[in-house]
Amino acid sequence: MSSLADLQPLIPPPAISLWPPAPGWWVLLALLPVLAWGLWRLRRFLPRRQAQQVQEQPLDPVRQEALAELARLPKPYDKAPAGAWLQQINALLKRLCRNHYPNAHSHTLNGRQWLAFLDNRCPAAGLTRWMVLVEGAYKPECKLDDKAIAGLNHSVETWIRKHV
């Protein structure tokens, strides 16, 4: 039997150097600039991404007329009573809905159902947050600050432009 003393010492594996690389790597190194040049030339055949410009469709005459009427409505600035203005906006929206959605019977809706109907047709306008649109017309001294008037006017204008 052999003893531990008879064993040969361990031989470390040969050191692997990173340089010079194997012969196949020289070919790859030579092909890399050719590949980069080919991809650079190929880019002109690839479809280019152009910034898509969102253009609004031209408005039909009914919407243009409604926007003009909305602009003509006297806004109740300086704490003037807003009830009449709110009624006029509601009447304008009801006329538009009667024209665009004749079978929806939207002219019979009121309160939250009316705002939900408007919001379903154009969620971007966010008219459900303007409960004063339906409640303010029935309050004798409903007054709005200038920021609320501008916000409601903008929401109604957005609805007129973008409702489907």
N, C-alpha and C. Protein backbone atom coordinates (compact mmCIF):
# COMPACT_ATOMS: atom_id res chain seq x y z
N MET A 1 0.82 -1.17 0.00
CA MET A 1 0.00 0.00 0.00
C MET A 1 0.87 1.24 0.00
N SER A 2 0.27 2.27 -0.49
CA SER A 2 1.03 3.51 -0.56
C SER A 2 0.62 4.41 0.58
N SER A 3 1.52 5.17 0.99
CA SER A 3 1.22 6.10 2.07
C SER A 3 1.16 7.52 1.53
N LEU A 4 0.74 8.36 2.35
CA LEU A 4 0.61 9.76 1.92
C LEU A 4 1.97 10.36 1.59
N ALA A 5 2.98 9.87 2.13
CA ALA A 5 4.31 10.40 1.88
C ALA A 5 4.78 10.04 0.47
N ASP A 6 4.25 8.97 -0.11
CA ASP A 6 4.67 8.55 -1.44
C ASP A 6 3.99 9.33 -2.56
N LEU A 7 2.96 10.11 -2.24
CA LEU A 7 2.22 10.84 -3.28
C LEU A 7 3.04 12.02 -3.80
N GLN A 8 2.87 12.28 -5.05
CA GLN A 8 3.54 13.41 -5.70
C GLN A 8 2.85 14.72 -5.29
N PRO A 9 3.56 15.84 -5.26
CA PRO A 9 2.93 17.11 -4.94
C PRO A 9 1.99 17.55 -6.08
N LEU A 10 0.99 18.35 -5.73
CA LEU A 10 0.03 18.83 -6.73
C LEU A 10 0.72 19.76 -7.71
N ILE A 11 0.35 19.58 -8.97
CA ILE A 11 0.91 20.44 -10.01
C ILE A 11 -0.17 21.48 -10.34
N PRO A 12 0.13 22.75 -10.22
CA PRO A 12 -0.87 23.76 -10.54
C PRO A 12 -1.15 23.78 -12.04
N PRO A 13 -2.38 24.11 -12.42
CA PRO A 13 -2.68 24.17 -13.84
C PRO A 13 -1.91 25.31 -14.49
N PRO A 14 -1.66 25.19 -15.79
CA PRO A 14 -0.91 26.27 -16.45
C PRO A 14 -1.73 27.57 -16.45
N ALA A 15 -1.07 28.67 -16.33
CA ALA A 15 -1.74 29.97 -16.30
C ALA A 15 -2.30 30.29 -17.69
N ILE A 16 -3.53 30.78 -17.70
CA ILE A 16 -4.18 31.13 -18.96
C ILE A 16 -4.08 32.64 -19.11
N SER A 17 -3.45 33.06 -20.17
CA SER A 17 -3.31 34.50 -20.37
C SER A 17 -4.40 34.99 -21.31
N LEU A 18 -4.78 36.22 -21.14
CA LEU A 18 -5.82 36.81 -21.97
C LEU A 18 -5.25 37.37 -23.27
N TRP A 19 -3.97 37.57 -23.31
CA TRP A 19 -3.36 38.12 -24.52
C TRP A 19 -2.22 37.24 -24.93
N PRO A 20 -2.08 36.93 -26.10
CA PRO A 20 -2.83 37.20 -27.32
C PRO A 20 -4.03 36.27 -27.42
N PRO A 21 -5.11 36.76 -27.99
CA PRO A 21 -6.30 35.92 -28.12
C PRO A 21 -6.08 34.80 -29.13
N ALA A 22 -6.99 33.86 -29.07
CA ALA A 22 -6.91 32.73 -30.00
C ALA A 22 -7.09 33.24 -31.44
N PRO A 23 -6.65 32.48 -32.43
CA PRO A 23 -6.69 32.95 -33.82
C PRO A 23 -8.10 33.33 -34.31
N GLY A 24 -9.15 32.69 -33.85
CA GLY A 24 -10.49 33.02 -34.30
C GLY A 24 -10.94 34.42 -33.86
N TRP A 25 -10.43 34.87 -32.73
CA TRP A 25 -10.80 36.19 -32.23
C TRP A 25 -10.24 37.31 -33.09
N TRP A 26 -9.10 37.07 -33.73
CA TRP A 26 -8.52 38.09 -34.62
C TRP A 26 -9.44 38.35 -35.81
N VAL A 27 -10.09 37.27 -36.29
CA VAL A 27 -11.02 37.44 -37.41
C VAL A 27 -12.24 38.25 -36.97
N LEU A 28 -12.75 37.94 -35.77
CA LEU A 28 -13.89 38.67 -35.25
C LEU A 28 -13.55 40.14 -35.03
N LEU A 29 -12.36 40.39 -34.53
CA LEU A 29 -11.92 41.76 -34.31
C LEU A 29 -11.82 42.52 -35.63
N ALA A 30 -11.44 41.85 -36.69
CA ALA A 30 -11.35 42.48 -38.00
C ALA A 30 -12.74 42.70 -38.59
N LEU A 31 -13.70 41.80 -38.29
CA LEU A 31 -15.05 41.92 -38.84
C LEU A 31 -15.92 42.94 -38.10
N LEU A 32 -15.57 43.29 -36.89
CA LEU A 32 -16.37 44.21 -36.10
C LEU A 32 -16.52 45.59 -36.76
N PRO A 33 -15.46 46.23 -37.26
CA PRO A 33 -15.66 47.52 -37.95
C PRO A 33 -16.48 47.37 -39.24
N VAL A 34 -16.32 46.25 -39.94
CA VAL A 34 -17.09 46.02 -41.16
C VAL A 34 -18.57 45.87 -40.81
N LEU A 35 -18.88 45.17 -39.74
CA LEU A 35 -20.26 45.01 -39.29
C LEU A 35 -20.86 46.35 -38.86
N ALA A 36 -20.11 47.17 -38.13
CA ALA A 36 -20.59 48.48 -37.71
C ALA A 36 -20.86 49.37 -38.93
N TRP A 37 -19.97 49.34 -39.93
CA TRP A 37 -20.17 50.14 -41.14
C TRP A 37 -21.42 49.67 -41.89
N GLY A 38 -21.63 48.35 -41.97
CA GLY A 38 -22.81 47.81 -42.64
C GLY A 38 -24.10 48.22 -41.95
N LEU A 39 -24.14 48.19 -40.62
CA LEU A 39 -25.33 48.62 -39.88
C LEU A 39 -25.57 50.12 -40.06
N TRP A 40 -24.50 50.89 -40.12
CA TRP A 40 -24.66 52.33 -40.32
C TRP A 40 -25.26 52.61 -41.69
N ARG A 41 -24.85 51.85 -42.70
CA ARG A 41 -25.40 52.02 -44.05
C ARG A 41 -26.84 51.50 -44.14
N LEU A 42 -27.17 50.48 -43.36
CA LEU A 42 -28.49 49.86 -43.40
C LEU A 42 -29.56 50.74 -42.74
N ARG A 43 -29.17 51.64 -41.88
CA ARG A 43 -30.13 52.46 -41.15
C ARG A 43 -31.00 53.32 -42.06
N ARG A 44 -30.53 53.62 -43.25
CA ARG A 44 -31.34 54.44 -44.15
C ARG A 44 -32.51 53.66 -44.75
N PHE A 45 -32.43 52.32 -44.71
CA PHE A 45 -33.52 51.49 -45.23
C PHE A 45 -34.56 51.17 -44.16
N LEU A 46 -34.23 51.40 -42.91
CA LEU A 46 -35.16 51.12 -41.82
C LEU A 46 -36.20 52.24 -41.75
N PRO A 47 -37.42 51.91 -41.39
CA PRO A 47 -38.44 52.97 -41.29
C PRO A 47 -38.08 53.94 -40.17
N ARG A 48 -38.23 55.19 -40.46
CA ARG A 48 -37.88 56.21 -39.47
C ARG A 48 -39.09 56.54 -38.61
N ARG A 49 -38.81 56.73 -37.37
CA ARG A 49 -39.87 57.16 -36.46
C ARG A 49 -39.92 58.67 -36.50
N GLN A 50 -41.02 59.17 -36.93
CA GLN A 50 -41.20 60.60 -36.92
C GLN A 50 -42.15 60.95 -35.79
N ALA A 51 -41.91 62.07 -35.21
CA ALA A 51 -42.79 62.51 -34.13
C ALA A 51 -44.18 62.71 -34.70
N GLN A 52 -45.11 61.93 -34.18
CA GLN A 52 -46.47 62.02 -34.69
C GLN A 52 -47.12 63.26 -34.09
N GLN A 53 -47.55 64.10 -34.97
CA GLN A 53 -48.22 65.30 -34.52
C GLN A 53 -49.71 65.03 -34.46
N VAL A 54 -50.25 65.26 -33.30
CA VAL A 54 -51.68 65.05 -33.12
C VAL A 54 -52.39 66.30 -33.64
N GLN A 55 -53.11 66.10 -34.70
CA GLN A 55 -53.84 67.21 -35.27
C GLN A 55 -55.32 66.99 -35.04
N GLU A 56 -55.96 68.05 -34.61
CA GLU A 56 -57.39 67.94 -34.41
C GLU A 56 -58.09 67.96 -35.75
N GLN A 57 -59.13 67.20 -35.83
CA GLN A 57 -59.94 67.20 -37.03
C GLN A 57 -60.65 68.55 -37.13
N PRO A 58 -60.87 69.01 -38.35
CA PRO A 58 -61.63 70.25 -38.45
C PRO A 58 -63.03 70.04 -37.89
N LEU A 59 -63.49 71.03 -37.17
CA LEU A 59 -64.79 70.92 -36.51
C LEU A 59 -65.91 71.09 -37.52
N ASP A 60 -66.97 70.34 -37.31
CA ASP A 60 -68.14 70.50 -38.17
C ASP A 60 -68.84 71.82 -37.81
N PRO A 61 -69.68 72.31 -38.69
CA PRO A 61 -70.31 73.62 -38.46
C PRO A 61 -71.13 73.69 -37.17
N VAL A 62 -71.75 72.59 -36.78
CA VAL A 62 -72.57 72.61 -35.56
C VAL A 62 -71.68 72.86 -34.34
N ARG A 63 -70.54 72.20 -34.31
CA ARG A 63 -69.63 72.39 -33.17
C ARG A 63 -69.02 73.79 -33.18
N GLN A 64 -68.69 74.27 -34.36
CA GLN A 64 -68.15 75.63 -34.44
C GLN A 64 -69.17 76.65 -33.94
N GLU A 65 -70.41 76.46 -34.33
CA GLU A 65 -71.47 77.36 -33.89
C GLU A 65 -71.67 77.27 -32.37
N ALA A 66 -71.59 76.04 -31.84
CA ALA A 66 -71.75 75.86 -30.39
C ALA A 66 -70.60 76.52 -29.63
N LEU A 67 -69.38 76.41 -30.15
CA LEU A 67 -68.24 77.06 -29.50
C LEU A 67 -68.38 78.58 -29.55
N ALA A 68 -68.88 79.08 -30.69
CA ALA A 68 -69.08 80.52 -30.79
C ALA A 68 -70.16 80.99 -29.81
N GLU A 69 -71.22 80.21 -29.68
CA GLU A 69 -72.27 80.57 -28.73
C GLU A 69 -71.76 80.52 -27.30
N LEU A 70 -70.93 79.53 -26.98
CA LEU A 70 -70.35 79.44 -25.64
C LEU A 70 -69.48 80.66 -25.36
N ALA A 71 -68.72 81.09 -26.35
CA ALA A 71 -67.86 82.26 -26.16
C ALA A 71 -68.67 83.54 -25.98
N ARG A 72 -69.85 83.60 -26.60
CA ARG A 72 -70.70 84.78 -26.49
C ARG A 72 -71.44 84.89 -25.16
N LEU A 73 -71.58 83.78 -24.46
CA LEU A 73 -72.33 83.81 -23.20
C LEU A 73 -71.62 84.72 -22.20
N PRO A 74 -72.36 85.63 -21.57
CA PRO A 74 -71.71 86.52 -20.58
C PRO A 74 -71.37 85.74 -19.31
N LYS A 75 -70.10 85.75 -18.97
CA LYS A 75 -69.64 85.00 -17.80
C LYS A 75 -69.85 85.82 -16.53
N PRO A 76 -70.26 85.17 -15.45
CA PRO A 76 -70.59 85.89 -14.21
C PRO A 76 -69.37 86.18 -13.35
N TYR A 77 -68.47 87.02 -13.83
CA TYR A 77 -67.29 87.37 -13.04
C TYR A 77 -67.67 88.35 -11.92
N ASP A 78 -66.75 88.56 -11.03
CA ASP A 78 -66.89 89.50 -9.91
C ASP A 78 -68.08 89.17 -9.02
N LYS A 79 -68.23 87.89 -8.71
CA LYS A 79 -69.26 87.41 -7.76
C LYS A 79 -70.69 87.72 -8.21
N ALA A 80 -70.90 87.81 -9.51
CA ALA A 80 -72.26 88.01 -10.02
C ALA A 80 -72.99 86.67 -9.94
N PRO A 81 -74.32 86.68 -9.84
CA PRO A 81 -75.06 85.42 -9.80
C PRO A 81 -74.81 84.60 -11.07
N ALA A 82 -74.54 83.31 -10.89
CA ALA A 82 -74.16 82.46 -12.01
C ALA A 82 -75.29 81.56 -12.49
N GLY A 83 -76.46 81.64 -11.89
CA GLY A 83 -77.56 80.73 -12.23
C GLY A 83 -77.96 80.80 -13.69
N ALA A 84 -78.10 82.01 -14.23
CA ALA A 84 -78.53 82.16 -15.63
C ALA A 84 -77.47 81.61 -16.57
N TRP A 85 -76.19 81.87 -16.26
CA TRP A 85 -75.10 81.37 -17.11
C TRP A 85 -75.08 79.84 -17.12
N LEU A 86 -75.27 79.23 -15.96
CA LEU A 86 -75.29 77.77 -15.87
C LEU A 86 -76.48 77.19 -16.64
N GLN A 87 -77.63 77.86 -16.57
CA GLN A 87 -78.79 77.39 -17.33
C GLN A 87 -78.53 77.47 -18.83
N GLN A 88 -77.88 78.53 -19.28
CA GLN A 88 -77.58 78.67 -20.70
C GLN A 88 -76.60 77.59 -21.17
N ILE A 89 -75.61 77.28 -20.33
CA ILE A 89 -74.66 76.21 -20.69
C ILE A 89 -75.39 74.88 -20.78
N ASN A 90 -76.24 74.60 -19.80
CA ASN A 90 -77.02 73.35 -19.82
C ASN A 90 -77.89 73.27 -21.06
N ALA A 91 -78.54 74.38 -21.41
CA ALA A 91 -79.41 74.39 -22.59
C ALA A 91 -78.59 74.14 -23.85
N LEU A 92 -77.40 74.73 -23.93
CA LEU A 92 -76.53 74.51 -25.09
C LEU A 92 -76.11 73.05 -25.19
N LEU A 93 -75.72 72.47 -24.08
CA LEU A 93 -75.31 71.06 -24.08
C LEU A 93 -76.49 70.14 -24.42
N LYS A 94 -77.66 70.44 -23.92
CA LYS A 94 -78.84 69.61 -24.22
C LYS A 94 -79.18 69.67 -25.70
N ARG A 95 -79.09 70.88 -26.31
CA ARG A 95 -79.34 70.99 -27.74
C ARG A 95 -78.34 70.18 -28.56
N LEU A 96 -77.07 70.25 -28.16
CA LEU A 96 -76.05 69.47 -28.87
C LEU A 96 -76.32 67.97 -28.75
N CYS A 97 -76.69 67.54 -27.54
CA CYS A 97 -76.96 66.11 -27.33
C CYS A 97 -78.20 65.67 -28.09
N ARG A 98 -79.19 66.53 -28.16
CA ARG A 98 -80.39 66.17 -28.91
C ARG A 98 -80.06 66.01 -30.40
N ASN A 99 -79.14 66.84 -30.91
CA ASN A 99 -78.71 66.72 -32.31
C ASN A 99 -77.85 65.49 -32.56
N HIS A 100 -76.87 65.28 -31.71
CA HIS A 100 -75.89 64.21 -31.94
C HIS A 100 -76.37 62.84 -31.48
N TYR A 101 -77.20 62.79 -30.47
CA TYR A 101 -77.67 61.51 -29.92
C TYR A 101 -79.20 61.54 -29.83
N PRO A 102 -79.90 61.50 -30.96
CA PRO A 102 -81.37 61.65 -30.91
C PRO A 102 -82.09 60.51 -30.20
N ASN A 103 -81.53 59.31 -30.21
CA ASN A 103 -82.20 58.16 -29.59
C ASN A 103 -81.82 57.94 -28.14
N ALA A 104 -80.94 58.77 -27.61
CA ALA A 104 -80.48 58.58 -26.23
C ALA A 104 -81.41 59.22 -25.21
N HIS A 105 -82.34 60.06 -25.65
CA HIS A 105 -83.27 60.76 -24.75
C HIS A 105 -82.52 61.52 -23.66
N SER A 106 -81.41 62.13 -24.06
CA SER A 106 -80.59 62.85 -23.09
C SER A 106 -81.28 64.10 -22.55
N HIS A 107 -82.23 64.63 -23.29
CA HIS A 107 -82.91 65.84 -22.83
C HIS A 107 -83.79 65.58 -21.62
N THR A 108 -84.06 64.31 -21.31
CA THR A 108 -84.87 63.98 -20.14
C THR A 108 -84.02 63.76 -18.89
N LEU A 109 -82.70 63.73 -19.04
CA LEU A 109 -81.82 63.47 -17.90
C LEU A 109 -81.59 64.73 -17.10
N ASN A 110 -81.29 64.55 -15.81
CA ASN A 110 -80.94 65.68 -14.97
C ASN A 110 -80.03 65.20 -13.85
N GLY A 111 -79.41 66.12 -13.17
CA GLY A 111 -78.57 65.80 -12.03
C GLY A 111 -77.37 64.96 -12.40
N ARG A 112 -77.09 63.98 -11.54
CA ARG A 112 -75.93 63.13 -11.75
C ARG A 112 -76.02 62.30 -13.04
N GLN A 113 -77.24 61.88 -13.40
CA GLN A 113 -77.39 61.11 -14.65
C GLN A 113 -76.99 61.95 -15.86
N TRP A 114 -77.32 63.22 -15.84
CA TRP A 114 -76.98 64.11 -16.95
C TRP A 114 -75.46 64.27 -17.04
N LEU A 115 -74.80 64.49 -15.90
CA LEU A 115 -73.35 64.64 -15.91
C LEU A 115 -72.66 63.33 -16.30
N ALA A 116 -73.21 62.20 -15.85
CA ALA A 116 -72.64 60.91 -16.23
C ALA A 116 -72.79 60.67 -17.73
N PHE A 117 -73.93 61.06 -18.28
CA PHE A 117 -74.14 60.94 -19.73
C PHE A 117 -73.11 61.76 -20.49
N LEU A 118 -72.89 63.00 -20.04
CA LEU A 118 -71.90 63.86 -20.70
C LEU A 118 -70.50 63.28 -20.56
N ASP A 119 -70.19 62.77 -19.38
CA ASP A 119 -68.85 62.23 -19.14
C ASP A 119 -68.61 60.95 -19.93
N ASN A 120 -69.65 60.15 -20.16
CA ASN A 120 -69.49 58.94 -20.96
C ASN A 120 -69.18 59.28 -22.41
N ARG A 121 -69.66 60.40 -22.88
CA ARG A 121 -69.42 60.80 -24.27
C ARG A 121 -68.05 61.44 -24.45
N CYS A 122 -67.51 62.04 -23.39
CA CYS A 122 -66.18 62.67 -23.46
C CYS A 122 -65.57 62.71 -22.06
N PRO A 123 -64.87 61.64 -21.67
CA PRO A 123 -64.26 61.62 -20.34
C PRO A 123 -63.17 62.68 -20.17
N ALA A 124 -62.57 63.14 -21.27
CA ALA A 124 -61.50 64.13 -21.17
C ALA A 124 -62.00 65.45 -20.59
N ALA A 125 -63.26 65.76 -20.78
CA ALA A 125 -63.80 67.02 -20.27
C ALA A 125 -63.96 67.00 -18.76
N GLY A 126 -64.24 65.86 -18.19
CA GLY A 126 -64.38 65.74 -16.73
C GLY A 126 -65.52 66.55 -16.16
N LEU A 127 -66.66 66.49 -16.80
CA LEU A 127 -67.79 67.30 -16.34
C LEU A 127 -68.45 66.77 -15.07
N THR A 128 -68.16 65.53 -14.66
CA THR A 128 -68.79 65.02 -13.45
C THR A 128 -68.31 65.75 -12.20
N ARG A 129 -67.17 66.38 -12.28
CA ARG A 129 -66.69 67.12 -11.11
C ARG A 129 -67.34 68.49 -10.99
N TRP A 130 -68.14 68.87 -11.97
CA TRP A 130 -68.81 70.17 -11.96
C TRP A 130 -70.29 70.00 -11.62
N MET A 131 -70.57 69.52 -10.43
CA MET A 131 -71.94 69.32 -9.98
C MET A 131 -72.70 70.65 -9.93
N VAL A 132 -71.94 71.75 -9.82
CA VAL A 132 -72.56 73.06 -9.81
C VAL A 132 -73.27 73.34 -11.13
N LEU A 133 -72.89 72.67 -12.18
CA LEU A 133 -73.53 72.85 -13.48
C LEU A 133 -75.01 72.50 -13.43
N VAL A 134 -75.35 71.47 -12.67
CA VAL A 134 -76.76 71.07 -12.58
C VAL A 134 -77.44 71.62 -11.33
N GLU A 135 -76.69 71.83 -10.27
CA GLU A 135 -77.30 72.32 -9.02
C GLU A 135 -77.36 73.84 -8.96
N GLY A 136 -76.37 74.49 -9.54
CA GLY A 136 -76.28 75.94 -9.43
C GLY A 136 -77.39 76.69 -10.12
N ALA A 137 -77.98 76.09 -11.14
CA ALA A 137 -79.05 76.76 -11.86
C ALA A 137 -80.30 76.91 -10.99
N TYR A 138 -80.42 76.10 -9.96
CA TYR A 138 -81.62 76.14 -9.10
C TYR A 138 -81.38 76.88 -7.79
N LYS A 139 -80.17 77.33 -7.57
CA LYS A 139 -79.88 78.11 -6.36
C LYS A 139 -80.05 79.59 -6.70
N PRO A 140 -80.79 80.31 -5.89
CA PRO A 140 -81.06 81.71 -6.24
C PRO A 140 -79.82 82.59 -6.30
N GLU A 141 -78.89 82.39 -5.42
CA GLU A 141 -77.70 83.24 -5.40
C GLU A 141 -76.44 82.41 -5.55
N CYS A 142 -76.37 81.60 -6.57
CA CYS A 142 -75.17 80.79 -6.82
C CYS A 142 -74.09 81.70 -7.38
N LYS A 143 -72.94 81.72 -6.71
CA LYS A 143 -71.83 82.56 -7.15
C LYS A 143 -70.59 81.70 -7.29
N LEU A 144 -69.82 81.96 -8.34
CA LEU A 144 -68.60 81.21 -8.60
C LEU A 144 -67.42 82.17 -8.63
N ASP A 145 -66.27 81.67 -8.21
CA ASP A 145 -65.07 82.50 -8.33
C ASP A 145 -64.54 82.41 -9.77
N ASP A 146 -63.63 83.29 -10.11
CA ASP A 146 -63.14 83.39 -11.49
C ASP A 146 -62.45 82.11 -11.95
N LYS A 147 -61.75 81.44 -11.04
CA LYS A 147 -61.07 80.19 -11.39
C LYS A 147 -62.08 79.10 -11.74
N ALA A 148 -63.16 79.01 -10.99
CA ALA A 148 -64.20 78.01 -11.26
C ALA A 148 -64.90 78.30 -12.59
N ILE A 149 -65.13 79.57 -12.88
CA ILE A 149 -65.78 79.94 -14.14
C ILE A 149 -64.90 79.54 -15.31
N ALA A 150 -63.60 79.85 -15.22
CA ALA A 150 -62.68 79.50 -16.30
C ALA A 150 -62.57 77.98 -16.45
N GLY A 151 -62.52 77.26 -15.33
CA GLY A 151 -62.42 75.79 -15.39
C GLY A 151 -63.64 75.15 -16.01
N LEU A 152 -64.83 75.60 -15.59
CA LEU A 152 -66.06 75.04 -16.14
C LEU A 152 -66.19 75.38 -17.63
N ASN A 153 -65.85 76.60 -17.99
CA ASN A 153 -65.91 77.01 -19.39
C ASN A 153 -64.95 76.16 -20.24
N HIS A 154 -63.77 75.91 -19.71
CA HIS A 154 -62.79 75.08 -20.43
C HIS A 154 -63.30 73.64 -20.57
N SER A 155 -63.89 73.10 -19.52
CA SER A 155 -64.42 71.73 -19.58
C SER A 155 -65.54 71.61 -20.61
N VAL A 156 -66.43 72.59 -20.64
CA VAL A 156 -67.54 72.56 -21.60
C VAL A 156 -66.99 72.70 -23.02
N GLU A 157 -66.01 73.58 -23.20
CA GLU A 157 -65.39 73.75 -24.52
C GLU A 157 -64.72 72.45 -24.97
N THR A 158 -64.02 71.78 -24.06
CA THR A 158 -63.40 70.49 -24.38
C THR A 158 -64.46 69.47 -24.77
N TRP A 159 -65.57 69.46 -24.02
CA TRP A 159 -66.64 68.51 -24.35
C TRP A 159 -67.20 68.77 -25.74
N ILE A 160 -67.43 70.02 -26.07
CA ILE A 160 -67.98 70.36 -27.39
C ILE A 160 -67.02 69.92 -28.50
N ARG A 161 -65.72 70.14 -28.29
CA ARG A 161 -64.74 69.80 -29.32
C ARG A 161 -64.57 68.30 -29.51
N LYS A 162 -64.59 67.53 -28.41
CA LYS A 162 -64.13 66.15 -28.48
C LYS A 162 -65.18 65.09 -28.23
N HIS A 163 -66.43 65.44 -27.99
CA HIS A 163 -67.40 64.38 -27.70
C HIS A 163 -67.62 63.53 -28.93
N VAL A 164 -67.89 62.25 -28.69
CA VAL A 164 -68.09 61.30 -29.81
C VAL A 164 -69.56 60.99 -29.98
